[in-house]
Amino acid sequence: MRLRILVGACLIPALAVAQLPPETPLITNGAVTVTAADFEAFLLRVPEENRLEVRASSERIGKSVESVYTNRVLAEEARKLGLDQDASIRLRVKQIEESYLAFLWSERYAKEMKIPDLSARAEELYRLNKEQFREPERFNGSYLIVSTKGRTNEAALALATDLRKRAMSGEKFEDLVREYTDDPTYSRRKGRITRATAKDLEPPVAEAAFALKSPGEITPPVMGKAGYLLVQMQSRIPARTRPFEEVREAIIEQERERLAREATERRIGELKNNERTKVYDDNINKLRVEIPPSLLEQAIQGGKATLPER
């Protein structure tokens, strides 16, 4: 079983949110009005744990209100054209409403489920999947790139070898990196390697870097995709298995989500498939149209394709 481990959770304290009366206007344009109630309804599309973040930003509030207003203005124009009277469009609007209501039902059903104490189950999952909680060895250090672009391979290797000798003779590696590196990301990364695992680095670079034993040691020039690299070690963080107490809550939360999801799916199955359900397979099959392969390919490629007469 593969477990997703949550790094951490930010607990937001319950805050009293000052709310305007629902009918308070925010934008008006003739018969079109956007109210405080519209904003509150719009917030339902935002995960509950993120709503305070939206409320704290004037910019995001403004964009939310503007989005509601834009849709309402355009919807009014659509009604003037009679688009809301088209039977297919009215059914599609109904389907959109049903989709959202279905989402709300699933969310409510999962949230109101009574989940048993999962402490013992969490310990069992930890014991059975201990490797999933193992953190690999990590490397901290600095690197310098000598590119082969504009240089022969031999010239690049010679320069990298000379820079290593200078660093080992006492010059500060950071100064050499600042002056000589051909790293295009230097302005952002400053030539630093932070908490890198072997998988984070190119294989030959990882092999050389993790072979270093002591802080200050520098690898011989290593050929990578960007050219020759020199890597200086600052520290190594040993591999470890995270203790149960450190991951207990994350395991419980993931198991709770799994149980709620499975129970919700079972209930949906019960509601969909009962003695009253009848599937008209013949009618469903009649919806299929035989399309010539050439026409189908044209449609897949984005061309305008017309269905043959039935």
C-alpha atoms as a PDB file:
ATOM      1  CA  MET A   1       0.000   0.000   0.000  1.00  0.00           C
ATOM      2  CA  ARG A   2       1.347   3.418  -0.950  1.00  0.00           C
ATOM      3  CA  LEU A   3       0.671   6.158   1.563  1.00  0.00           C
ATOM      4  CA  ARG A   4       0.620   9.869   0.876  1.00  0.00           C
ATOM      5  CA  ILE A   5       2.248  11.645   3.793  1.00  0.00           C
ATOM      6  CA  LEU A   6       1.064  15.134   4.619  1.00  0.00           C
ATOM      7  CA  VAL A   7       3.930  17.468   5.385  1.00  0.00           C
ATOM      8  CA  GLY A   8       1.857  19.568   7.711  1.00  0.00           C
ATOM      9  CA  ALA A   9      -1.385  21.460   8.148  1.00  0.00           C
ATOM     10  CA  CYS A  10      -2.050  25.087   8.886  1.00  0.00           C
ATOM     11  CA  LEU A  11      -4.816  25.402  11.437  1.00  0.00           C
ATOM     12  CA  ILE A  12      -6.719  28.637  11.051  1.00  0.00           C
ATOM     13  CA  PRO A  13      -8.492  29.804  14.188  1.00  0.00           C
ATOM     14  CA  ALA A  14     -12.188  30.488  13.967  1.00  0.00           C
ATOM     15  CA  LEU A  15     -12.591  34.204  13.338  1.00  0.00           C
ATOM     16  CA  ALA A  16     -15.712  36.306  13.461  1.00  0.00           C
ATOM     17  CA  VAL A  17     -16.267  37.492   9.886  1.00  0.00           C
ATOM     18  CA  ALA A  18     -18.086  40.790   9.536  1.00  0.00           C
ATOM     19  CA  GLN A  19     -20.827  40.248   6.944  1.00  0.00           C
ATOM     20  CA  LEU A  20     -22.973  42.799   5.175  1.00  0.00           C
ATOM     21  CA  PRO A  21     -26.738  42.320   4.996  1.00  0.00           C
ATOM     22  CA  PRO A  22     -27.405  39.921   2.083  1.00  0.00           C
ATOM     23  CA  GLU A  23     -29.237  42.510  -0.024  1.00  0.00           C
ATOM     24  CA  THR A  24     -26.394  45.083   0.177  1.00  0.00           C
ATOM     25  CA  PRO A  25     -25.572  46.132  -3.415  1.00  0.00           C
ATOM     26  CA  LEU A  26     -21.993  45.763  -4.638  1.00  0.00           C
ATOM     27  CA  ILE A  27     -22.479  46.603  -8.343  1.00  0.00           C
ATOM     28  CA  THR A  28     -25.609  47.757 -10.163  1.00  0.00           C
ATOM     29  CA  ASN A  29     -26.315  48.303 -13.836  1.00  0.00           C
ATOM     30  CA  GLY A  30     -29.984  48.907 -14.531  1.00  0.00           C
ATOM     31  CA  ALA A  31     -31.813  45.694 -13.693  1.00  0.00           C
ATOM     32  CA  VAL A  32     -28.538  43.861 -13.098  1.00  0.00           C
ATOM     33  CA  THR A  33     -27.460  43.847  -9.452  1.00  0.00           C
ATOM     34  CA  VAL A  34     -24.695  42.006  -7.614  1.00  0.00           C
ATOM     35  CA  THR A  35     -25.197  41.827  -3.858  1.00  0.00           C
ATOM     36  CA  ALA A  36     -23.282  40.725  -0.786  1.00  0.00           C
ATOM     37  CA  ALA A  37     -25.287  37.488  -0.936  1.00  0.00           C
ATOM     38  CA  ASP A  38     -23.879  36.874  -4.427  1.00  0.00           C
ATOM     39  CA  PHE A  39     -20.352  37.180  -3.083  1.00  0.00           C
ATOM     40  CA  GLU A  40     -21.104  34.726  -0.276  1.00  0.00           C
ATOM     41  CA  ALA A  41     -22.534  32.283  -2.829  1.00  0.00           C
ATOM     42  CA  PHE A  42     -19.471  32.714  -5.057  1.00  0.00           C
ATOM     43  CA  LEU A  43     -17.255  31.820  -2.092  1.00  0.00           C
ATOM     44  CA  LEU A  44     -18.811  28.353  -2.033  1.00  0.00           C
ATOM     45  CA  ARG A  45     -16.616  27.456  -5.004  1.00  0.00           C
ATOM     46  CA  VAL A  46     -13.538  28.100  -2.832  1.00  0.00           C
ATOM     47  CA  PRO A  47     -12.437  25.315  -0.426  1.00  0.00           C
ATOM     48  CA  GLU A  48     -13.624  26.176   3.062  1.00  0.00           C
ATOM     49  CA  GLU A  49     -10.102  26.308   4.493  1.00  0.00           C
ATOM     50  CA  ASN A  50      -9.122  28.952   1.891  1.00  0.00           C
ATOM     51  CA  ARG A  51     -12.068  31.326   2.233  1.00  0.00           C
ATOM     52  CA  LEU A  52     -10.495  33.513   4.917  1.00  0.00           C
ATOM     53  CA  GLU A  53      -7.551  34.040   2.576  1.00  0.00           C
ATOM     54  CA  VAL A  54      -9.946  35.376  -0.073  1.00  0.00           C
ATOM     55  CA  ARG A  55     -11.721  37.605   2.446  1.00  0.00           C
ATOM     56  CA  ALA A  56      -8.381  39.084   3.514  1.00  0.00           C
ATOM     57  CA  SER A  57      -7.548  40.252  -0.029  1.00  0.00           C
ATOM     58  CA  SER A  58      -9.287  43.296  -1.514  1.00  0.00           C
ATOM     59  CA  GLU A  59      -7.961  42.294  -4.924  1.00  0.00           C
ATOM     60  CA  ARG A  60      -9.428  38.786  -4.763  1.00  0.00           C
ATOM     61  CA  ILE A  61     -12.741  40.074  -3.425  1.00  0.00           C
ATOM     62  CA  GLY A  62     -12.878  42.567  -6.279  1.00  0.00           C
ATOM     63  CA  LYS A  63     -12.140  39.891  -8.876  1.00  0.00           C
ATOM     64  CA  SER A  64     -14.782  37.603  -7.389  1.00  0.00           C
ATOM     65  CA  VAL A  65     -17.445  40.294  -7.468  1.00  0.00           C
ATOM     66  CA  GLU A  66     -16.443  41.305 -11.005  1.00  0.00           C
ATOM     67  CA  SER A  67     -16.702  37.682 -12.155  1.00  0.00           C
ATOM     68  CA  VAL A  68     -20.262  37.415 -10.841  1.00  0.00           C
ATOM     69  CA  TYR A  69     -21.131  40.774 -12.414  1.00  0.00           C
ATOM     70  CA  THR A  70     -19.660  39.869 -15.821  1.00  0.00           C
ATOM     71  CA  ASN A  71     -21.541  36.576 -15.943  1.00  0.00           C
ATOM     72  CA  ARG A  72     -24.786  38.261 -14.901  1.00  0.00           C
ATOM     73  CA  VAL A  73     -24.484  40.984 -17.549  1.00  0.00           C
ATOM     74  CA  LEU A  74     -23.764  38.441 -20.277  1.00  0.00           C
ATOM     75  CA  ALA A  75     -26.504  36.105 -19.059  1.00  0.00           C
ATOM     76  CA  GLU A  76     -28.961  38.983 -19.364  1.00  0.00           C
ATOM     77  CA  GLU A  77     -27.815  39.536 -22.957  1.00  0.00           C
ATOM     78  CA  ALA A  78     -28.274  35.809 -23.623  1.00  0.00           C
ATOM     79  CA  ARG A  79     -31.843  35.990 -22.325  1.00  0.00           C
ATOM     80  CA  LYS A  80     -32.557  38.949 -24.638  1.00  0.00           C
ATOM     81  CA  LEU A  81     -31.522  36.700 -27.520  1.00  0.00           C
ATOM     82  CA  GLY A  82     -33.824  33.965 -26.236  1.00  0.00           C
ATOM     83  CA  LEU A  83     -30.975  31.519 -25.670  1.00  0.00           C
ATOM     84  CA  ASP A  84     -32.494  30.464 -22.351  1.00  0.00           C
ATOM     85  CA  GLN A  85     -35.583  29.259 -24.216  1.00  0.00           C
ATOM     86  CA  ASP A  86     -33.668  26.679 -26.274  1.00  0.00           C
ATOM     87  CA  ALA A  87     -34.656  23.252 -24.938  1.00  0.00           C
ATOM     88  CA  SER A  88     -31.133  21.775 -25.202  1.00  0.00           C
ATOM     89  CA  ILE A  89     -29.585  24.777 -23.455  1.00  0.00           C
ATOM     90  CA  ARG A  90     -32.152  24.613 -20.664  1.00  0.00           C
ATOM     91  CA  LEU A  91     -31.312  20.942 -20.174  1.00  0.00           C
ATOM     92  CA  ARG A  92     -27.589  21.757 -20.097  1.00  0.00           C
ATOM     93  CA  VAL A  93     -28.192  24.444 -17.452  1.00  0.00           C
ATOM     94  CA  LYS A  94     -30.136  21.869 -15.467  1.00  0.00           C
ATOM     95  CA  GLN A  95     -27.228  19.396 -15.788  1.00  0.00           C
ATOM     96  CA  ILE A  96     -24.786  22.027 -14.489  1.00  0.00           C
ATOM     97  CA  GLU A  97     -27.058  22.622 -11.496  1.00  0.00           C
ATOM     98  CA  GLU A  98     -27.366  18.867 -10.888  1.00  0.00           C
ATOM     99  CA  SER A  99     -23.608  18.414 -11.112  1.00  0.00           C
ATOM    100  CA  TYR A 100     -23.034  21.015  -8.404  1.00  0.00           C
ATOM    101  CA  LEU A 101     -25.778  19.617  -6.183  1.00  0.00           C
ATOM    102  CA  ALA A 102     -24.285  16.135  -6.593  1.00  0.00           C
ATOM    103  CA  PHE A 103     -20.903  17.499  -5.518  1.00  0.00           C
ATOM    104  CA  LEU A 104     -22.465  19.161  -2.451  1.00  0.00           C
ATOM    105  CA  TRP A 105     -24.286  15.957  -1.508  1.00  0.00           C
ATOM    106  CA  SER A 106     -21.103  13.864  -1.786  1.00  0.00           C
ATOM    107  CA  GLU A 107     -19.182  16.391   0.283  1.00  0.00           C
ATOM    108  CA  ARG A 108     -21.883  16.503   2.981  1.00  0.00           C
ATOM    109  CA  TYR A 109     -22.290  12.712   3.092  1.00  0.00           C
ATOM    110  CA  ALA A 110     -18.553  12.160   3.534  1.00  0.00           C
ATOM    111  CA  LYS A 111     -18.266  14.888   6.170  1.00  0.00           C
ATOM    112  CA  GLU A 112     -21.154  13.583   8.281  1.00  0.00           C
ATOM    113  CA  MET A 113     -19.975   9.983   8.277  1.00  0.00           C
ATOM    114  CA  LYS A 114     -19.142   8.543  11.667  1.00  0.00           C
ATOM    115  CA  ILE A 115     -15.569   7.238  11.472  1.00  0.00           C
ATOM    116  CA  PRO A 116     -14.288   4.956  14.268  1.00  0.00           C
ATOM    117  CA  ASP A 117     -11.101   5.619  16.221  1.00  0.00           C
ATOM    118  CA  LEU A 118      -8.290   4.922  13.764  1.00  0.00           C
ATOM    119  CA  SER A 119      -5.326   5.050  16.155  1.00  0.00           C
ATOM    120  CA  ALA A 120      -4.736   1.284  16.113  1.00  0.00           C
ATOM    121  CA  ARG A 121      -5.204   1.162  12.344  1.00  0.00           C
ATOM    122  CA  ALA A 122      -2.657   3.960  11.942  1.00  0.00           C
ATOM    123  CA  GLU A 123      -0.078   2.006  13.942  1.00  0.00           C
ATOM    124  CA  GLU A 124      -0.742  -1.068  11.806  1.00  0.00           C
ATOM    125  CA  LEU A 125      -0.315   0.887   8.569  1.00  0.00           C
ATOM    126  CA  TYR A 126       2.883   2.417   9.873  1.00  0.00           C
ATOM    127  CA  ARG A 127       4.277  -0.982  10.797  1.00  0.00           C
ATOM    128  CA  LEU A 128       3.309  -2.573   7.478  1.00  0.00           C
ATOM    129  CA  ASN A 129       4.556   0.320   5.324  1.00  0.00           C
ATOM    130  CA  LYS A 130       7.566   1.551   7.249  1.00  0.00           C
ATOM    131  CA  GLU A 131       9.630   2.007   4.088  1.00  0.00           C
ATOM    132  CA  GLN A 132       7.153   4.638   2.923  1.00  0.00           C
ATOM    133  CA  PHE A 133       8.213   6.788   5.858  1.00  0.00           C
ATOM    134  CA  ARG A 134      11.940   6.542   5.216  1.00  0.00           C
ATOM    135  CA  GLU A 135      13.638   9.774   4.207  1.00  0.00           C
ATOM    136  CA  PRO A 136      16.744   9.399   2.030  1.00  0.00           C
ATOM    137  CA  GLU A 137      20.145  10.877   2.771  1.00  0.00           C
ATOM    138  CA  ARG A 138      20.392  14.525   1.761  1.00  0.00           C
ATOM    139  CA  PHE A 139      23.259  16.728   0.611  1.00  0.00           C
ATOM    140  CA  ASN A 140      23.998  20.410   1.206  1.00  0.00           C
ATOM    141  CA  GLY A 141      26.712  22.159  -0.739  1.00  0.00           C
ATOM    142  CA  SER A 142      27.694  24.428  -3.618  1.00  0.00           C
ATOM    143  CA  TYR A 143      28.439  23.836  -7.275  1.00  0.00           C
ATOM    144  CA  LEU A 144      30.299  25.536 -10.111  1.00  0.00           C
ATOM    145  CA  ILE A 145      29.612  24.880 -13.809  1.00  0.00           C
ATOM    146  CA  VAL A 146      32.216  25.237 -16.557  1.00  0.00           C
ATOM    147  CA  SER A 147      30.248  25.107 -19.788  1.00  0.00           C
ATOM    148  CA  THR A 148      31.541  23.458 -22.961  1.00  0.00           C
ATOM    149  CA  LYS A 149      29.672  26.019 -25.056  1.00  0.00           C
ATOM    150  CA  GLY A 150      32.240  28.286 -26.675  1.00  0.00           C
ATOM    151  CA  ARG A 151      35.073  26.044 -25.404  1.00  0.00           C
ATOM    152  CA  THR A 152      36.510  22.760 -26.469  1.00  0.00           C
ATOM    153  CA  ASN A 153      35.900  19.860 -24.137  1.00  0.00           C
ATOM    154  CA  GLU A 154      39.604  19.860 -23.271  1.00  0.00           C
ATOM    155  CA  ALA A 155      39.608  23.607 -22.473  1.00  0.00           C
ATOM    156  CA  ALA A 156      36.563  23.259 -20.227  1.00  0.00           C
ATOM    157  CA  LEU A 157      38.096  20.331 -18.365  1.00  0.00           C
ATOM    158  CA  ALA A 158      41.397  22.209 -17.955  1.00  0.00           C
ATOM    159  CA  LEU A 159      39.608  25.270 -16.501  1.00  0.00           C
ATOM    160  CA  ALA A 160      37.518  23.160 -14.118  1.00  0.00           C
ATOM    161  CA  THR A 161      40.663  21.309 -12.959  1.00  0.00           C
ATOM    162  CA  ASP A 162      42.508  24.593 -12.377  1.00  0.00           C
ATOM    163  CA  LEU A 163      39.576  26.077 -10.410  1.00  0.00           C
ATOM    164  CA  ARG A 164      39.487  22.990  -8.189  1.00  0.00           C
ATOM    165  CA  LYS A 165      43.219  23.344  -7.496  1.00  0.00           C
ATOM    166  CA  ARG A 166      42.750  27.009  -6.580  1.00  0.00           C
ATOM    167  CA  ALA A 167      39.920  26.150  -4.176  1.00  0.00           C
ATOM    168  CA  MET A 168      41.980  23.395  -2.569  1.00  0.00           C
ATOM    169  CA  SER A 169      44.861  25.837  -2.220  1.00  0.00           C
ATOM    170  CA  GLY A 170      42.775  28.152  -0.080  1.00  0.00           C
ATOM    171  CA  GLU A 171      40.661  30.370  -2.341  1.00  0.00           C
ATOM    172  CA  LYS A 172      37.028  30.544  -1.274  1.00  0.00           C
ATOM    173  CA  PHE A 173      34.887  28.263  -3.388  1.00  0.00           C
ATOM    174  CA  GLU A 174      31.972  30.730  -3.206  1.00  0.00           C
ATOM    175  CA  ASP A 175      34.172  33.457  -4.719  1.00  0.00           C
ATOM    176  CA  LEU A 176      35.233  31.179  -7.567  1.00  0.00           C
ATOM    177  CA  VAL A 177      31.609  30.220  -8.194  1.00  0.00           C
ATOM    178  CA  ARG A 178      30.550  33.872  -8.324  1.00  0.00           C
ATOM    179  CA  GLU A 179      33.342  34.746 -10.778  1.00  0.00           C
ATOM    180  CA  TYR A 180      33.532  31.719 -13.045  1.00  0.00           C
ATOM    181  CA  THR A 181      30.288  29.709 -13.003  1.00  0.00           C
ATOM    182  CA  ASP A 182      28.355  29.407 -16.248  1.00  0.00           C
ATOM    183  CA  ASP A 183      25.189  28.507 -14.379  1.00  0.00           C
ATOM    184  CA  PRO A 184      22.246  30.432 -15.945  1.00  0.00           C
ATOM    185  CA  THR A 185      20.341  30.132 -12.632  1.00  0.00           C
ATOM    186  CA  TYR A 186      23.136  31.612 -10.507  1.00  0.00           C
ATOM    187  CA  SER A 187      21.291  34.873  -9.779  1.00  0.00           C
ATOM    188  CA  ARG A 188      18.497  32.842  -8.185  1.00  0.00           C
ATOM    189  CA  ARG A 189      20.268  29.831  -6.705  1.00  0.00           C
ATOM    190  CA  LYS A 190      23.692  31.339  -5.975  1.00  0.00           C
ATOM    191  CA  GLY A 191      25.222  27.977  -6.797  1.00  0.00           C
ATOM    192  CA  ARG A 192      23.688  26.292  -3.755  1.00  0.00           C
ATOM    193  CA  ILE A 193      22.540  22.709  -3.373  1.00  0.00           C
ATOM    194  CA  THR A 194      20.048  22.431  -0.506  1.00  0.00           C
ATOM    195  CA  ARG A 195      18.750  19.198   0.983  1.00  0.00           C
ATOM    196  CA  ALA A 196      19.185  17.342  -2.311  1.00  0.00           C
ATOM    197  CA  THR A 197      18.676  13.596  -2.522  1.00  0.00           C
ATOM    198  CA  ALA A 198      20.630  11.453  -4.965  1.00  0.00           C
ATOM    199  CA  LYS A 199      17.563  11.432  -7.224  1.00  0.00           C
ATOM    200  CA  ASP A 200      17.554  15.237  -7.345  1.00  0.00           C
ATOM    201  CA  LEU A 201      20.953  15.340  -9.065  1.00  0.00           C
ATOM    202  CA  GLU A 202      22.258  13.989 -12.356  1.00  0.00           C
ATOM    203  CA  PRO A 203      23.542  10.430 -11.750  1.00  0.00           C
ATOM    204  CA  PRO A 204      27.277  11.177 -12.257  1.00  0.00           C
ATOM    205  CA  VAL A 205      27.011  14.346 -10.161  1.00  0.00           C
ATOM    206  CA  ALA A 206      25.101  12.543  -7.407  1.00  0.00           C
ATOM    207  CA  GLU A 207      27.646   9.727  -7.324  1.00  0.00           C
ATOM    208  CA  ALA A 208      30.534  12.176  -6.965  1.00  0.00           C
ATOM    209  CA  ALA A 209      28.787  14.459  -4.461  1.00  0.00           C
ATOM    210  CA  PHE A 210      27.642  11.668  -2.138  1.00  0.00           C
ATOM    211  CA  ALA A 211      31.133  10.142  -2.234  1.00  0.00           C
ATOM    212  CA  LEU A 212      32.487  13.220  -0.409  1.00  0.00           C
ATOM    213  CA  LYS A 213      33.141  12.568   3.276  1.00  0.00           C
ATOM    214  CA  SER A 214      33.992  15.865   4.964  1.00  0.00           C
ATOM    215  CA  PRO A 215      32.728  19.464   4.820  1.00  0.00           C
ATOM    216  CA  GLY A 216      34.834  21.512   2.410  1.00  0.00           C
ATOM    217  CA  GLU A 217      35.768  18.577   0.164  1.00  0.00           C
ATOM    218  CA  ILE A 218      35.383  19.196  -3.572  1.00  0.00           C
ATOM    219  CA  THR A 219      34.660  16.647  -6.274  1.00  0.00           C
ATOM    220  CA  PRO A 220      36.950  16.242  -9.292  1.00  0.00           C
ATOM    221  CA  PRO A 221      35.377  17.743 -12.452  1.00  0.00           C
ATOM    222  CA  VAL A 222      32.236  15.770 -13.305  1.00  0.00           C
ATOM    223  CA  MET A 223      30.700  15.882 -16.770  1.00  0.00           C
ATOM    224  CA  GLY A 224      27.009  16.818 -16.654  1.00  0.00           C
ATOM    225  CA  LYS A 225      24.461  18.097 -19.149  1.00  0.00           C
ATOM    226  CA  ALA A 226      25.546  21.712 -18.675  1.00  0.00           C
ATOM    227  CA  GLY A 227      29.292  21.050 -18.780  1.00  0.00           C
ATOM    228  CA  TYR A 228      31.884  20.178 -16.135  1.00  0.00           C
ATOM    229  CA  LEU A 229      30.742  20.560 -12.533  1.00  0.00           C
ATOM    230  CA  LEU A 230      32.657  20.999  -9.316  1.00  0.00           C
ATOM    231  CA  VAL A 231      30.673  20.274  -6.157  1.00  0.00           C
ATOM    232  CA  GLN A 232      31.759  21.267  -2.661  1.00  0.00           C
ATOM    233  CA  MET A 233      30.210  19.550   0.335  1.00  0.00           C
ATOM    234  CA  GLN A 234      28.913  21.551   3.276  1.00  0.00           C
ATOM    235  CA  SER A 235      27.019  18.843   5.144  1.00  0.00           C
ATOM    236  CA  ARG A 236      25.194  15.543   4.769  1.00  0.00           C
ATOM    237  CA  ILE A 237      21.907  14.730   6.466  1.00  0.00           C
ATOM    238  CA  PRO A 238      21.702  10.997   7.227  1.00  0.00           C
ATOM    239  CA  ALA A 239      18.788   8.912   6.015  1.00  0.00           C
ATOM    240  CA  ARG A 240      16.159   8.254   8.656  1.00  0.00           C
ATOM    241  CA  THR A 241      12.769   6.681   9.225  1.00  0.00           C
ATOM    242  CA  ARG A 242      10.238   9.196  10.480  1.00  0.00           C
ATOM    243  CA  PRO A 243       8.907   8.072  13.902  1.00  0.00           C
ATOM    244  CA  PHE A 244       5.272   7.080  14.238  1.00  0.00           C
ATOM    245  CA  GLU A 245       4.338  10.064  16.407  1.00  0.00           C
ATOM    246  CA  GLU A 246       5.571  12.402  13.682  1.00  0.00           C
ATOM    247  CA  VAL A 247       3.308  10.911  11.010  1.00  0.00           C
ATOM    248  CA  ARG A 248       0.414   9.575  13.116  1.00  0.00           C
ATOM    249  CA  GLU A 249      -2.079  12.356  12.356  1.00  0.00           C
ATOM    250  CA  ALA A 250      -1.287  12.302   8.633  1.00  0.00           C
ATOM    251  CA  ILE A 251      -1.911   8.544   8.458  1.00  0.00           C
ATOM    252  CA  ILE A 252      -5.178   8.859  10.379  1.00  0.00           C
ATOM    253  CA  GLU A 253      -6.385  11.675   8.132  1.00  0.00           C
ATOM    254  CA  GLN A 254      -5.563   9.758   4.979  1.00  0.00           C
ATOM    255  CA  GLU A 255      -7.280   6.622   6.264  1.00  0.00           C
ATOM    256  CA  ARG A 256     -10.320   8.675   7.283  1.00  0.00           C
ATOM    257  CA  GLU A 257     -10.489  10.165   3.764  1.00  0.00           C
ATOM    258  CA  ARG A 258     -10.224   6.696   2.220  1.00  0.00           C
ATOM    259  CA  LEU A 259     -13.021   5.246   4.354  1.00  0.00           C
ATOM    260  CA  ALA A 260     -15.280   8.248   3.674  1.00  0.00           C
ATOM    261  CA  ARG A 261     -14.600   8.053  -0.055  1.00  0.00           C
ATOM    262  CA  GLU A 262     -15.336   4.322  -0.236  1.00  0.00           C
ATOM    263  CA  ALA A 263     -18.518   4.661   1.826  1.00  0.00           C
ATOM    264  CA  THR A 264     -19.704   7.534  -0.355  1.00  0.00           C
ATOM    265  CA  GLU A 265     -19.068   5.504  -3.512  1.00  0.00           C
ATOM    266  CA  ARG A 266     -21.009   2.573  -2.040  1.00  0.00           C
ATOM    267  CA  ARG A 267     -23.963   4.822  -1.216  1.00  0.00           C
ATOM    268  CA  ILE A 268     -23.920   6.319  -4.696  1.00  0.00           C
ATOM    269  CA  GLY A 269     -23.975   2.802  -6.113  1.00  0.00           C
ATOM    270  CA  GLU A 270     -26.995   1.956  -3.947  1.00  0.00           C
ATOM    271  CA  LEU A 271     -28.870   5.058  -5.087  1.00  0.00           C
ATOM    272  CA  LYS A 272     -28.053   4.478  -8.759  1.00  0.00           C
ATOM    273  CA  ASN A 273     -28.622   0.747  -8.940  1.00  0.00           C
ATOM    274  CA  ASN A 274     -31.803  -0.511  -7.340  1.00  0.00           C
ATOM    275  CA  GLU A 275     -34.934  -2.382  -8.394  1.00  0.00           C
ATOM    276  CA  ARG A 276     -36.363   0.749 -10.039  1.00  0.00           C
ATOM    277  CA  THR A 277     -33.368   1.285 -12.299  1.00  0.00           C
ATOM    278  CA  LYS A 278     -33.810   0.271 -15.945  1.00  0.00           C
ATOM    279  CA  VAL A 279     -31.113   0.877 -18.545  1.00  0.00           C
ATOM    280  CA  TYR A 280     -32.305   1.013 -22.156  1.00  0.00           C
ATOM    281  CA  ASP A 281     -29.198  -0.355 -23.845  1.00  0.00           C
ATOM    282  CA  ASP A 282     -30.804  -0.514 -27.305  1.00  0.00           C
ATOM    283  CA  ASN A 283     -31.717   3.157 -27.168  1.00  0.00           C
ATOM    284  CA  ILE A 284     -28.262   4.118 -25.905  1.00  0.00           C
ATOM    285  CA  ASN A 285     -26.636   2.163 -28.733  1.00  0.00           C
ATOM    286  CA  LYS A 286     -28.767   4.016 -31.277  1.00  0.00           C
ATOM    287  CA  LEU A 287     -26.995   7.240 -30.279  1.00  0.00           C
ATOM    288  CA  ARG A 288     -23.826   5.958 -31.909  1.00  0.00           C
ATOM    289  CA  VAL A 289     -23.079   7.164 -35.440  1.00  0.00           C
ATOM    290  CA  GLU A 290     -20.933   5.288 -37.950  1.00  0.00           C
ATOM    291  CA  ILE A 291     -18.297   7.792 -39.030  1.00  0.00           C
ATOM    292  CA  PRO A 292     -15.833   7.098 -41.861  1.00  0.00           C
ATOM    293  CA  PRO A 293     -12.250   6.864 -40.506  1.00  0.00           C
ATOM    294  CA  SER A 294     -11.105   9.785 -42.678  1.00  0.00           C
ATOM    295  CA  LEU A 295     -13.844  12.034 -41.307  1.00  0.00           C
ATOM    296  CA  LEU A 296     -13.129  10.926 -37.745  1.00  0.00           C
ATOM    297  CA  GLU A 297      -9.426  11.691 -38.207  1.00  0.00           C
ATOM    298  CA  GLN A 298     -10.341  15.108 -39.567  1.00  0.00           C
ATOM    299  CA  ALA A 299     -12.440  15.814 -36.482  1.00  0.00           C
ATOM    300  CA  ILE A 300      -9.657  14.619 -34.161  1.00  0.00           C
ATOM    301  CA  GLN A 301      -7.187  16.932 -35.890  1.00  0.00           C
ATOM    302  CA  GLY A 302      -9.489  19.879 -35.248  1.00  0.00           C
ATOM    303  CA  GLY A 303     -10.903  20.245 -38.725  1.00  0.00           C
ATOM    304  CA  LYS A 304     -14.515  21.005 -39.479  1.00  0.00           C
ATOM    305  CA  ALA A 305     -16.299  17.691 -39.972  1.00  0.00           C
ATOM    306  CA  THR A 306     -19.965  17.147 -40.843  1.00  0.00           C
ATOM    307  CA  LEU A 307     -21.759  14.028 -39.654  1.00  0.00           C
ATOM    308  CA  PRO A 308     -23.258  11.899 -42.419  1.00  0.00           C
ATOM    309  CA  GLU A 309     -27.041  11.825 -42.870  1.00  0.00           C
ATOM    310  CA  ARG A 310     -28.744   9.194 -40.718  1.00  0.00           C
END
